[in-house]
């Protein structure tokens, strides 16, 4: 992956979130504040604008700038969570024009650790972790098996989608949805759904 491809990923993520914003809002209206789709759409629109205004020259810089933009432009929990994930991922990458799939494994794991630290969530808590964790595991397993970026990204996207769908029967134990107790059961977690969109965007451009 080079910086141009990383920018393409963020652009594709922005397009996927724009297309899915209404759906994300419906999910969040059921068990949250109802603003997840709107907030992420605004944030990723700002990310694309920031990257186009002053295009970074390394993948590391693309992700760090994207994360910083989300943190400054998105309200609620999603800005800090997604922003921290991208910033941590970018900082874990070498400052080289291109990075390898193995580098991205390290970066994605750093992003996952940042989200866990900030939100305090674990697998099964009905949060974005339930999509992000399986996606990183699948990406790493694919790379270990010799897959290229496209193969690893495809595996991650499928795992993220499955993880998001698997949140439906769970009872939320973190975030605003946890206040609903058993009433959170039967609804897909909006953060897991948007995480699936972001990994799907990576598979699209890889």
N, C-alpha and C. Protein backbone atom coordinates (compact mmCIF):
# COMPACT_ATOMS: atom_id res chain seq x y z
N UNK A 1 0.84 -1.19 0.00
CA UNK A 1 0.00 0.00 0.00
C UNK A 1 0.88 1.25 0.00
N UNK A 2 0.53 2.21 -0.85
CA UNK A 2 1.21 3.50 -0.84
C UNK A 2 0.21 4.57 -0.40
N UNK A 3 0.67 5.81 -0.34
CA UNK A 3 -0.18 6.88 0.16
C UNK A 3 -1.41 7.09 -0.71
N UNK A 4 -1.24 6.95 -2.02
CA UNK A 4 -2.39 7.13 -2.93
C UNK A 4 -3.47 6.10 -2.64
N UNK A 5 -3.07 4.86 -2.41
CA UNK A 5 -4.03 3.81 -2.11
C UNK A 5 -4.68 4.04 -0.75
N UNK A 6 -3.91 4.52 0.20
CA UNK A 6 -4.47 4.83 1.52
C UNK A 6 -5.51 5.94 1.41
N UNK A 7 -5.22 6.95 0.59
CA UNK A 7 -6.21 8.02 0.37
C UNK A 7 -7.45 7.47 -0.32
N UNK A 8 -7.24 6.56 -1.27
CA UNK A 8 -8.38 5.91 -1.94
C UNK A 8 -9.24 5.16 -0.93
N UNK A 9 -8.59 4.53 0.05
CA UNK A 9 -9.33 3.80 1.09
C UNK A 9 -10.22 4.76 1.88
N UNK A 10 -9.66 5.88 2.30
CA UNK A 10 -10.45 6.83 3.07
C UNK A 10 -11.58 7.41 2.22
N UNK A 11 -11.32 7.63 0.94
CA UNK A 11 -12.37 8.15 0.05
C UNK A 11 -13.48 7.11 -0.13
N UNK A 12 -13.09 5.85 -0.31
CA UNK A 12 -14.08 4.79 -0.46
C UNK A 12 -14.88 4.61 0.82
N UNK A 13 -14.21 4.75 1.96
CA UNK A 13 -14.91 4.66 3.25
C UNK A 13 -15.94 5.78 3.37
N UNK A 14 -15.53 6.97 2.96
CA UNK A 14 -16.45 8.11 3.02
C UNK A 14 -17.67 7.87 2.14
N UNK A 15 -17.45 7.31 0.95
CA UNK A 15 -18.55 7.03 0.04
C UNK A 15 -19.47 5.95 0.60
N UNK A 16 -18.88 4.92 1.20
CA UNK A 16 -19.70 3.84 1.77
C UNK A 16 -20.53 4.35 2.94
N UNK A 17 -19.93 5.20 3.76
CA UNK A 17 -20.65 5.74 4.92
C UNK A 17 -21.73 6.72 4.46
N UNK A 18 -21.45 7.49 3.41
CA UNK A 18 -22.47 8.39 2.88
C UNK A 18 -23.68 7.60 2.38
N UNK A 19 -23.39 6.51 1.67
CA UNK A 19 -24.47 5.68 1.13
C UNK A 19 -25.23 4.96 2.25
N UNK A 20 -24.52 4.63 3.32
CA UNK A 20 -25.14 3.87 4.40
C UNK A 20 -25.56 4.71 5.60
N UNK A 21 -25.45 6.03 5.49
CA UNK A 21 -25.70 6.90 6.64
C UNK A 21 -27.10 6.74 7.21
N UNK A 22 -28.10 6.65 6.34
CA UNK A 22 -29.47 6.51 6.83
C UNK A 22 -29.65 5.19 7.58
N UNK A 23 -29.05 4.14 7.04
CA UNK A 23 -29.14 2.84 7.71
C UNK A 23 -28.46 2.85 9.06
N UNK A 24 -27.29 3.49 9.12
CA UNK A 24 -26.58 3.59 10.40
C UNK A 24 -27.38 4.40 11.41
N UNK A 25 -28.04 5.43 10.94
CA UNK A 25 -28.86 6.25 11.82
C UNK A 25 -30.05 5.46 12.36
N UNK A 26 -30.65 4.64 11.48
CA UNK A 26 -31.77 3.80 11.95
C UNK A 26 -31.30 2.82 13.02
N UNK A 27 -30.13 2.21 12.80
CA UNK A 27 -29.60 1.30 13.81
C UNK A 27 -29.35 2.02 15.12
N UNK A 28 -28.78 3.21 15.03
CA UNK A 28 -28.43 3.96 16.24
C UNK A 28 -29.68 4.52 16.92
N UNK A 29 -30.72 4.78 16.14
CA UNK A 29 -31.96 5.28 16.73
C UNK A 29 -32.61 4.22 17.62
N UNK A 30 -32.37 2.96 17.27
CA UNK A 30 -32.97 1.86 18.03
C UNK A 30 -32.32 1.67 19.40
N UNK A 31 -30.98 1.86 19.46
CA UNK A 31 -30.29 1.55 20.72
C UNK A 31 -29.29 2.62 21.15
N UNK A 32 -29.28 3.76 20.47
CA UNK A 32 -28.32 4.80 20.81
C UNK A 32 -28.92 6.19 20.70
N UNK A 33 -28.09 7.15 20.30
CA UNK A 33 -28.52 8.54 20.20
C UNK A 33 -29.14 8.89 18.85
N UNK A 34 -29.00 8.01 17.87
CA UNK A 34 -29.56 8.27 16.56
C UNK A 34 -28.73 9.17 15.67
N UNK A 35 -27.47 9.41 16.06
CA UNK A 35 -26.65 10.35 15.30
C UNK A 35 -25.41 9.72 14.67
N UNK A 36 -25.28 8.40 14.75
CA UNK A 36 -24.05 7.75 14.29
C UNK A 36 -23.80 7.97 12.80
N UNK A 37 -24.82 7.78 11.99
CA UNK A 37 -24.65 7.94 10.55
C UNK A 37 -24.31 9.37 10.17
N UNK A 38 -25.03 10.32 10.76
CA UNK A 38 -24.80 11.74 10.47
C UNK A 38 -23.39 12.16 10.89
N UNK A 39 -23.01 11.75 12.09
CA UNK A 39 -21.69 12.13 12.61
C UNK A 39 -20.55 11.56 11.76
N UNK A 40 -20.64 10.27 11.44
CA UNK A 40 -19.57 9.67 10.65
C UNK A 40 -19.53 10.23 9.23
N UNK A 41 -20.68 10.50 8.66
CA UNK A 41 -20.72 11.10 7.32
C UNK A 41 -20.02 12.45 7.32
N UNK A 42 -20.33 13.26 8.31
CA UNK A 42 -19.68 14.56 8.42
C UNK A 42 -18.18 14.40 8.62
N UNK A 43 -17.80 13.46 9.48
CA UNK A 43 -16.38 13.27 9.77
C UNK A 43 -15.58 12.80 8.58
N UNK A 44 -16.07 11.79 7.86
CA UNK A 44 -15.31 11.27 6.73
C UNK A 44 -15.33 12.22 5.53
N UNK A 45 -16.37 13.04 5.43
CA UNK A 45 -16.37 14.09 4.41
C UNK A 45 -15.23 15.07 4.71
N UNK A 46 -15.05 15.39 5.98
CA UNK A 46 -13.95 16.29 6.38
C UNK A 46 -12.60 15.62 6.16
N UNK A 47 -12.52 14.32 6.37
CA UNK A 47 -11.27 13.59 6.13
C UNK A 47 -10.86 13.70 4.67
N UNK A 48 -11.80 13.44 3.76
CA UNK A 48 -11.49 13.51 2.33
C UNK A 48 -11.03 14.91 1.96
N UNK A 49 -11.71 15.92 2.47
CA UNK A 49 -11.34 17.31 2.17
C UNK A 49 -9.94 17.62 2.67
N UNK A 50 -9.60 17.14 3.88
CA UNK A 50 -8.28 17.40 4.45
C UNK A 50 -7.18 16.72 3.64
N UNK A 51 -7.45 15.50 3.19
CA UNK A 51 -6.45 14.76 2.42
C UNK A 51 -6.26 15.36 1.03
N UNK A 52 -7.32 15.91 0.47
CA UNK A 52 -7.21 16.52 -0.86
C UNK A 52 -6.54 17.89 -0.79
N UNK A 53 -6.77 18.60 0.30
CA UNK A 53 -6.18 19.93 0.44
C UNK A 53 -4.66 19.86 0.56
N UNK A 54 -4.18 18.89 1.32
CA UNK A 54 -2.74 18.74 1.52
C UNK A 54 -2.42 17.25 1.57
N UNK A 55 -2.26 16.61 0.40
CA UNK A 55 -2.10 15.15 0.35
C UNK A 55 -0.83 14.67 1.06
N UNK A 56 -0.97 13.83 2.07
CA UNK A 56 0.20 13.26 2.74
C UNK A 56 0.97 12.34 1.79
N UNK A 57 2.25 12.16 2.09
CA UNK A 57 3.11 11.39 1.18
C UNK A 57 3.38 9.98 1.65
N UNK A 58 2.94 9.63 2.86
CA UNK A 58 3.13 8.26 3.34
C UNK A 58 1.79 7.74 3.86
N UNK A 59 1.68 6.42 3.91
CA UNK A 59 0.47 5.80 4.46
C UNK A 59 0.30 6.22 5.92
N UNK A 60 1.41 6.24 6.64
CA UNK A 60 1.37 6.64 8.04
C UNK A 60 0.73 8.01 8.19
N UNK A 61 1.16 8.97 7.38
CA UNK A 61 0.64 10.33 7.47
C UNK A 61 -0.84 10.39 7.07
N UNK A 62 -1.24 9.60 6.09
CA UNK A 62 -2.64 9.57 5.68
C UNK A 62 -3.53 9.15 6.85
N UNK A 63 -3.14 8.09 7.52
CA UNK A 63 -3.97 7.58 8.62
C UNK A 63 -3.94 8.50 9.83
N UNK A 64 -2.78 9.06 10.14
CA UNK A 64 -2.70 9.98 11.28
C UNK A 64 -3.55 11.22 11.03
N UNK A 65 -3.45 11.77 9.83
CA UNK A 65 -4.24 12.97 9.51
C UNK A 65 -5.73 12.64 9.51
N UNK A 66 -6.09 11.49 8.98
CA UNK A 66 -7.49 11.08 8.96
C UNK A 66 -8.03 10.94 10.38
N UNK A 67 -7.24 10.31 11.24
CA UNK A 67 -7.67 10.13 12.62
C UNK A 67 -7.81 11.44 13.35
N UNK A 68 -6.85 12.33 13.17
CA UNK A 68 -6.90 13.63 13.83
C UNK A 68 -8.11 14.43 13.36
N UNK A 69 -8.45 14.32 12.09
CA UNK A 69 -9.61 15.03 11.55
C UNK A 69 -10.89 14.50 12.15
N UNK A 70 -11.02 13.19 12.25
CA UNK A 70 -12.21 12.61 12.87
C UNK A 70 -12.35 13.04 14.31
N UNK A 71 -11.24 13.07 15.03
CA UNK A 71 -11.29 13.44 16.45
C UNK A 71 -11.73 14.89 16.63
N UNK A 72 -11.39 15.73 15.68
CA UNK A 72 -11.73 17.14 15.82
C UNK A 72 -13.09 17.51 15.24
N UNK A 73 -13.63 16.65 14.36
CA UNK A 73 -14.85 17.02 13.65
C UNK A 73 -16.08 16.19 13.99
N UNK A 74 -15.90 15.07 14.69
CA UNK A 74 -17.03 14.18 14.96
C UNK A 74 -17.39 14.20 16.43
N UNK A 75 -18.66 14.40 16.71
CA UNK A 75 -19.13 14.41 18.08
C UNK A 75 -19.43 13.00 18.58
N UNK A 76 -19.88 12.92 19.81
CA UNK A 76 -20.24 11.63 20.39
C UNK A 76 -19.02 10.75 20.61
N UNK A 77 -19.28 9.46 20.68
CA UNK A 77 -18.20 8.51 20.95
C UNK A 77 -17.43 8.13 19.70
N UNK A 78 -18.08 8.23 18.54
CA UNK A 78 -17.47 7.69 17.32
C UNK A 78 -16.22 8.45 16.89
N UNK A 79 -16.20 9.78 17.08
CA UNK A 79 -15.02 10.55 16.69
C UNK A 79 -13.77 10.11 17.42
N UNK A 80 -13.80 10.11 18.75
CA UNK A 80 -12.63 9.66 19.50
C UNK A 80 -12.25 8.21 19.20
N UNK A 81 -13.24 7.33 19.05
CA UNK A 81 -12.93 5.92 18.83
C UNK A 81 -12.30 5.67 17.46
N UNK A 82 -12.96 6.12 16.42
CA UNK A 82 -12.42 5.91 15.08
C UNK A 82 -11.16 6.75 14.85
N UNK A 83 -11.16 7.95 15.41
CA UNK A 83 -9.98 8.79 15.27
C UNK A 83 -8.78 8.19 15.95
N UNK A 84 -8.97 7.68 17.17
CA UNK A 84 -7.87 7.04 17.89
C UNK A 84 -7.37 5.81 17.16
N UNK A 85 -8.29 5.04 16.59
CA UNK A 85 -7.89 3.83 15.85
C UNK A 85 -7.00 4.18 14.67
N UNK A 86 -7.41 5.17 13.88
CA UNK A 86 -6.63 5.54 12.70
C UNK A 86 -5.30 6.18 13.08
N UNK A 87 -5.30 7.03 14.09
CA UNK A 87 -4.05 7.65 14.52
C UNK A 87 -3.06 6.61 15.03
N UNK A 88 -3.55 5.69 15.85
CA UNK A 88 -2.67 4.65 16.39
C UNK A 88 -2.14 3.76 15.27
N UNK A 89 -3.00 3.44 14.31
CA UNK A 89 -2.57 2.62 13.18
C UNK A 89 -1.49 3.34 12.38
N UNK A 90 -1.71 4.63 12.13
CA UNK A 90 -0.73 5.38 11.37
C UNK A 90 0.61 5.49 12.08
N UNK A 91 0.56 5.71 13.38
CA UNK A 91 1.80 5.85 14.15
C UNK A 91 2.57 4.54 14.24
N UNK A 92 1.88 3.42 14.06
CA UNK A 92 2.54 2.12 14.13
C UNK A 92 3.22 1.73 12.82
N UNK A 93 2.98 2.51 11.77
CA UNK A 93 3.56 2.20 10.47
C UNK A 93 4.91 2.88 10.27
N UNK A 94 5.78 2.27 9.48
CA UNK A 94 7.04 2.95 9.13
C UNK A 94 6.76 4.15 8.24
N UNK A 95 7.59 5.17 8.35
CA UNK A 95 7.42 6.39 7.54
C UNK A 95 8.08 6.21 6.18
N UNK A 96 7.58 5.23 5.44
CA UNK A 96 8.13 4.90 4.12
C UNK A 96 7.05 5.12 3.06
N UNK A 97 7.45 5.31 1.80
CA UNK A 97 6.45 5.53 0.75
C UNK A 97 5.45 4.39 0.59
N UNK A 98 5.90 3.16 0.87
CA UNK A 98 5.02 2.01 0.77
C UNK A 98 5.14 1.16 2.03
N UNK A 99 4.04 0.50 2.38
CA UNK A 99 4.07 -0.44 3.51
C UNK A 99 3.54 -1.78 3.02
N UNK A 100 3.98 -2.83 3.67
CA UNK A 100 3.61 -4.19 3.28
C UNK A 100 2.43 -4.68 4.12
N UNK A 101 1.75 -5.73 3.65
CA UNK A 101 0.63 -6.28 4.42
C UNK A 101 1.00 -6.61 5.86
N UNK A 102 2.21 -7.11 6.08
CA UNK A 102 2.63 -7.41 7.45
C UNK A 102 2.69 -6.15 8.31
N UNK A 103 3.09 -5.02 7.70
CA UNK A 103 3.09 -3.75 8.42
C UNK A 103 1.66 -3.36 8.81
N UNK A 104 0.73 -3.63 7.90
CA UNK A 104 -0.66 -3.27 8.15
C UNK A 104 -1.27 -4.13 9.26
N UNK A 105 -0.81 -5.37 9.39
CA UNK A 105 -1.25 -6.19 10.51
C UNK A 105 -0.91 -5.50 11.82
N UNK A 106 0.34 -5.06 11.94
CA UNK A 106 0.79 -4.36 13.14
C UNK A 106 -0.03 -3.09 13.36
N UNK A 107 -0.29 -2.35 12.28
CA UNK A 107 -1.03 -1.10 12.38
C UNK A 107 -2.47 -1.33 12.82
N UNK A 108 -3.12 -2.31 12.20
CA UNK A 108 -4.51 -2.59 12.55
C UNK A 108 -4.64 -3.06 14.00
N UNK A 109 -3.65 -3.84 14.45
CA UNK A 109 -3.66 -4.29 15.84
C UNK A 109 -3.47 -3.10 16.79
N UNK A 110 -2.64 -2.15 16.41
CA UNK A 110 -2.44 -0.95 17.23
C UNK A 110 -3.73 -0.15 17.31
N UNK A 111 -4.43 -0.07 16.20
CA UNK A 111 -5.71 0.63 16.19
C UNK A 111 -6.73 -0.04 17.08
N UNK A 112 -6.77 -1.37 17.01
CA UNK A 112 -7.69 -2.13 17.85
C UNK A 112 -7.38 -1.93 19.33
N UNK A 113 -6.10 -1.94 19.68
CA UNK A 113 -5.69 -1.72 21.06
C UNK A 113 -6.10 -0.33 21.55
N UNK A 114 -6.00 0.66 20.67
CA UNK A 114 -6.38 2.02 21.04
C UNK A 114 -7.87 2.11 21.34
N UNK A 115 -8.68 1.44 20.52
CA UNK A 115 -10.13 1.45 20.74
C UNK A 115 -10.48 0.74 22.04
N UNK A 116 -9.84 -0.39 22.28
CA UNK A 116 -10.11 -1.12 23.52
C UNK A 116 -9.73 -0.29 24.75
N UNK A 117 -8.60 0.39 24.67
CA UNK A 117 -8.15 1.20 25.80
C UNK A 117 -9.10 2.36 26.06
N UNK A 118 -9.55 3.00 24.99
CA UNK A 118 -10.41 4.17 25.14
C UNK A 118 -11.81 3.80 25.58
N UNK A 119 -12.36 2.76 24.97
CA UNK A 119 -13.75 2.42 25.26
C UNK A 119 -13.94 1.37 26.33
N UNK A 120 -12.88 0.63 26.62
CA UNK A 120 -12.97 -0.40 27.63
C UNK A 120 -13.80 -1.61 27.23
N UNK A 121 -14.05 -1.77 25.94
CA UNK A 121 -14.90 -2.87 25.48
C UNK A 121 -14.08 -4.09 25.11
N UNK A 122 -14.73 -5.24 25.19
CA UNK A 122 -14.13 -6.51 24.78
C UNK A 122 -15.07 -7.19 23.81
N UNK A 123 -14.60 -8.27 23.21
CA UNK A 123 -15.44 -9.04 22.29
C UNK A 123 -16.70 -9.49 23.02
N UNK A 124 -17.83 -9.38 22.35
CA UNK A 124 -19.09 -9.80 22.93
C UNK A 124 -19.85 -8.72 23.66
N UNK A 125 -19.26 -7.52 23.75
CA UNK A 125 -19.93 -6.41 24.45
C UNK A 125 -20.90 -5.65 23.56
N UNK A 126 -21.03 -6.06 22.29
CA UNK A 126 -21.92 -5.42 21.31
C UNK A 126 -21.42 -4.01 20.99
N UNK A 127 -20.19 -3.94 20.50
CA UNK A 127 -19.59 -2.67 20.08
C UNK A 127 -18.86 -2.90 18.76
N UNK A 128 -18.20 -1.87 18.29
CA UNK A 128 -17.43 -2.00 17.05
C UNK A 128 -16.31 -3.04 17.16
N UNK A 129 -15.89 -3.35 18.39
CA UNK A 129 -14.87 -4.37 18.60
C UNK A 129 -15.30 -5.71 18.00
N UNK A 130 -16.60 -5.97 18.02
CA UNK A 130 -17.09 -7.25 17.53
C UNK A 130 -16.96 -7.39 16.01
N UNK A 131 -16.75 -6.30 15.31
CA UNK A 131 -16.44 -6.36 13.88
C UNK A 131 -14.95 -6.16 13.65
N UNK A 132 -14.34 -5.24 14.39
CA UNK A 132 -12.93 -4.90 14.21
C UNK A 132 -12.03 -6.08 14.58
N UNK A 133 -12.29 -6.70 15.72
CA UNK A 133 -11.45 -7.82 16.17
C UNK A 133 -11.38 -8.96 15.17
N UNK A 134 -12.52 -9.50 14.74
CA UNK A 134 -12.49 -10.57 13.74
C UNK A 134 -11.85 -10.15 12.42
N UNK A 135 -12.03 -8.88 12.05
CA UNK A 135 -11.44 -8.39 10.81
C UNK A 135 -9.91 -8.44 10.87
N UNK A 136 -9.36 -7.98 11.99
CA UNK A 136 -7.91 -7.99 12.15
C UNK A 136 -7.38 -9.42 12.21
N UNK A 137 -8.10 -10.29 12.91
CA UNK A 137 -7.68 -11.69 12.98
C UNK A 137 -7.65 -12.31 11.58
N UNK A 138 -8.68 -12.03 10.80
CA UNK A 138 -8.76 -12.60 9.45
C UNK A 138 -7.67 -12.03 8.55
N UNK A 139 -7.42 -10.72 8.69
CA UNK A 139 -6.37 -10.08 7.90
C UNK A 139 -5.02 -10.71 8.22
N UNK A 140 -4.74 -10.87 9.51
CA UNK A 140 -3.46 -11.43 9.93
C UNK A 140 -3.31 -12.88 9.47
N UNK A 141 -4.37 -13.65 9.60
CA UNK A 141 -4.32 -15.06 9.18
C UNK A 141 -4.08 -15.17 7.68
N UNK A 142 -4.72 -14.30 6.92
CA UNK A 142 -4.53 -14.32 5.47
C UNK A 142 -3.10 -13.95 5.08
N UNK A 143 -2.56 -12.93 5.73
CA UNK A 143 -1.18 -12.52 5.45
C UNK A 143 -0.20 -13.64 5.82
N UNK A 144 -0.45 -14.27 6.96
CA UNK A 144 0.42 -15.38 7.38
C UNK A 144 0.38 -16.53 6.39
N UNK A 145 -0.76 -16.66 5.70
CA UNK A 145 -0.90 -17.71 4.70
C UNK A 145 -0.39 -17.33 3.34
N UNK A 146 0.18 -16.13 3.22
CA UNK A 146 0.77 -15.71 1.95
C UNK A 146 -0.11 -14.84 1.08
N UNK A 147 -1.25 -14.39 1.59
CA UNK A 147 -2.15 -13.56 0.80
C UNK A 147 -1.55 -12.18 0.55
N UNK A 148 -1.91 -11.60 -0.58
CA UNK A 148 -1.52 -10.22 -0.86
C UNK A 148 -2.53 -9.29 -0.19
N UNK A 149 -2.38 -7.98 -0.40
CA UNK A 149 -3.25 -7.02 0.26
C UNK A 149 -4.71 -7.25 -0.10
N UNK A 150 -4.98 -7.49 -1.38
CA UNK A 150 -6.36 -7.69 -1.81
C UNK A 150 -6.98 -8.90 -1.13
N UNK A 151 -6.23 -9.99 -1.06
CA UNK A 151 -6.74 -11.19 -0.42
C UNK A 151 -6.98 -11.00 1.06
N UNK A 152 -6.03 -10.34 1.73
CA UNK A 152 -6.17 -10.11 3.17
C UNK A 152 -7.31 -9.14 3.46
N UNK A 153 -7.44 -8.11 2.64
CA UNK A 153 -8.51 -7.14 2.84
C UNK A 153 -9.87 -7.77 2.61
N UNK A 154 -9.97 -8.64 1.63
CA UNK A 154 -11.23 -9.33 1.38
C UNK A 154 -11.62 -10.21 2.55
N UNK A 155 -10.65 -10.92 3.09
CA UNK A 155 -10.92 -11.77 4.26
C UNK A 155 -11.35 -10.93 5.45
N UNK A 156 -10.71 -9.78 5.64
CA UNK A 156 -11.06 -8.89 6.75
C UNK A 156 -12.47 -8.34 6.58
N UNK A 157 -12.82 -7.97 5.36
CA UNK A 157 -14.15 -7.41 5.11
C UNK A 157 -15.24 -8.44 5.40
N UNK A 158 -15.02 -9.66 4.98
CA UNK A 158 -16.01 -10.71 5.24
C UNK A 158 -16.15 -10.98 6.74
N UNK A 159 -15.02 -10.99 7.43
CA UNK A 159 -15.06 -11.23 8.88
C UNK A 159 -15.73 -10.08 9.61
N UNK A 160 -15.49 -8.85 9.16
CA UNK A 160 -16.11 -7.69 9.80
C UNK A 160 -17.62 -7.72 9.60
N UNK A 161 -18.06 -8.08 8.41
CA UNK A 161 -19.50 -8.15 8.15
C UNK A 161 -20.15 -9.22 9.00
N UNK A 162 -19.50 -10.38 9.08
CA UNK A 162 -20.04 -11.46 9.91
C UNK A 162 -20.07 -11.05 11.38
N UNK A 163 -19.02 -10.36 11.82
CA UNK A 163 -18.97 -9.90 13.20
C UNK A 163 -20.06 -8.90 13.51
N UNK A 164 -20.32 -7.99 12.56
CA UNK A 164 -21.38 -6.99 12.75
C UNK A 164 -22.74 -7.68 12.86
N UNK A 165 -22.98 -8.64 11.97
CA UNK A 165 -24.26 -9.35 11.99
C UNK A 165 -24.43 -10.15 13.27
N UNK A 166 -23.31 -10.62 13.81
CA UNK A 166 -23.37 -11.43 15.03
C UNK A 166 -23.67 -10.61 16.28
N UNK A 167 -23.70 -9.27 16.16
CA UNK A 167 -24.04 -8.45 17.32
C UNK A 167 -25.55 -8.41 17.57
N UNK A 168 -26.34 -8.82 16.59
CA UNK A 168 -27.80 -8.72 16.72
C UNK A 168 -28.32 -9.42 17.98
N UNK A 169 -27.96 -10.68 18.25
CA UNK A 169 -28.51 -11.35 19.42
C UNK A 169 -27.84 -11.00 20.75
N UNK A 170 -26.80 -10.16 20.71
CA UNK A 170 -26.06 -9.84 21.93
C UNK A 170 -26.78 -8.78 22.76
N UNK A 171 -26.54 -8.80 24.06
CA UNK A 171 -26.98 -7.72 24.94
C UNK A 171 -25.80 -6.77 25.14
N UNK A 172 -26.04 -5.49 24.92
CA UNK A 172 -24.97 -4.50 25.02
C UNK A 172 -24.46 -4.38 26.45
N UNK A 173 -23.14 -4.36 26.58
CA UNK A 173 -22.53 -4.19 27.90
C UNK A 173 -21.67 -2.94 27.99
N UNK A 174 -21.55 -2.22 26.89
CA UNK A 174 -20.79 -0.97 26.88
C UNK A 174 -21.55 0.07 26.05
N UNK A 175 -21.26 1.32 26.30
CA UNK A 175 -21.86 2.39 25.53
C UNK A 175 -23.30 2.68 25.93
N UNK A 176 -23.90 3.60 25.21
CA UNK A 176 -25.27 4.02 25.53
C UNK A 176 -26.26 2.86 25.43
N UNK A 177 -26.02 1.95 24.49
CA UNK A 177 -26.94 0.82 24.31
C UNK A 177 -27.02 -0.04 25.55
N UNK A 178 -25.97 -0.03 26.37
CA UNK A 178 -25.96 -0.87 27.57
C UNK A 178 -27.04 -0.43 28.57
N UNK A 179 -27.48 0.85 28.49
CA UNK A 179 -28.51 1.34 29.39
C UNK A 179 -29.85 0.64 29.15
N UNK A 180 -30.01 0.07 27.94
CA UNK A 180 -31.26 -0.58 27.58
C UNK A 180 -31.37 -1.99 28.13
N UNK A 181 -30.26 -2.54 28.57
CA UNK A 181 -30.28 -3.91 29.08
C UNK A 181 -30.74 -4.90 28.04
N UNK A 182 -31.71 -5.73 28.39
CA UNK A 182 -32.18 -6.76 27.47
C UNK A 182 -32.87 -6.19 26.23
N UNK A 183 -33.32 -4.96 26.30
CA UNK A 183 -33.97 -4.35 25.14
C UNK A 183 -32.98 -4.08 23.99
N UNK A 184 -31.68 -4.16 24.28
CA UNK A 184 -30.69 -3.99 23.20
C UNK A 184 -30.57 -5.25 22.35
N UNK A 185 -31.09 -6.36 22.83
CA UNK A 185 -31.04 -7.62 22.08
C UNK A 185 -31.95 -7.52 20.86
N UNK A 186 -31.47 -8.03 19.73
CA UNK A 186 -32.28 -8.02 18.51
C UNK A 186 -31.95 -6.88 17.57
N UNK A 187 -30.99 -6.05 17.95
CA UNK A 187 -30.59 -4.92 17.11
C UNK A 187 -29.09 -5.02 16.80
N UNK A 188 -28.74 -4.72 15.56
CA UNK A 188 -27.32 -4.73 15.19
C UNK A 188 -26.65 -3.47 15.75
N UNK A 189 -25.43 -3.64 16.26
CA UNK A 189 -24.69 -2.49 16.78
C UNK A 189 -24.27 -1.57 15.64
N UNK A 190 -24.59 -0.29 15.72
CA UNK A 190 -24.24 0.63 14.63
C UNK A 190 -22.74 0.80 14.43
N UNK A 191 -21.97 0.77 15.53
CA UNK A 191 -20.51 0.89 15.40
C UNK A 191 -19.91 -0.30 14.67
N UNK A 192 -20.42 -1.48 14.97
CA UNK A 192 -19.95 -2.67 14.25
C UNK A 192 -20.32 -2.59 12.78
N UNK A 193 -21.52 -2.05 12.50
CA UNK A 193 -21.96 -1.92 11.12
C UNK A 193 -21.07 -0.95 10.34
N UNK A 194 -20.73 0.19 10.95
CA UNK A 194 -19.89 1.16 10.24
C UNK A 194 -18.46 0.65 10.11
N UNK A 195 -17.99 -0.10 11.10
CA UNK A 195 -16.67 -0.72 10.99
C UNK A 195 -16.62 -1.69 9.81
N UNK A 196 -17.70 -2.42 9.63
CA UNK A 196 -17.79 -3.32 8.48
C UNK A 196 -17.71 -2.55 7.17
N UNK A 197 -18.35 -1.38 7.11
CA UNK A 197 -18.28 -0.56 5.91
C UNK A 197 -16.85 -0.10 5.62
N UNK A 198 -16.11 0.23 6.67
CA UNK A 198 -14.75 0.73 6.48
C UNK A 198 -13.82 -0.38 5.99
N UNK A 199 -13.97 -1.57 6.54
CA UNK A 199 -13.16 -2.68 6.04
C UNK A 199 -13.61 -3.11 4.64
N UNK A 200 -14.89 -2.97 4.36
CA UNK A 200 -15.37 -3.25 3.01
C UNK A 200 -14.78 -2.28 2.01
N UNK A 201 -14.59 -1.02 2.43
CA UNK A 201 -13.98 -0.02 1.55
C UNK A 201 -12.53 -0.37 1.25
N UNK A 202 -11.81 -0.91 2.24
CA UNK A 202 -10.43 -1.34 2.01
C UNK A 202 -10.38 -2.46 0.98
N UNK A 203 -11.30 -3.42 1.11
CA UNK A 203 -11.34 -4.53 0.16
C UNK A 203 -11.67 -4.04 -1.25
N UNK A 204 -12.48 -3.01 -1.32
CA UNK A 204 -12.89 -2.46 -2.62
C UNK A 204 -11.72 -1.86 -3.39
N UNK A 205 -10.82 -1.19 -2.67
CA UNK A 205 -9.73 -0.47 -3.37
C UNK A 205 -8.44 -1.27 -3.44
N UNK A 206 -8.31 -2.31 -2.61
CA UNK A 206 -7.03 -3.05 -2.52
C UNK A 206 -6.73 -3.80 -3.82
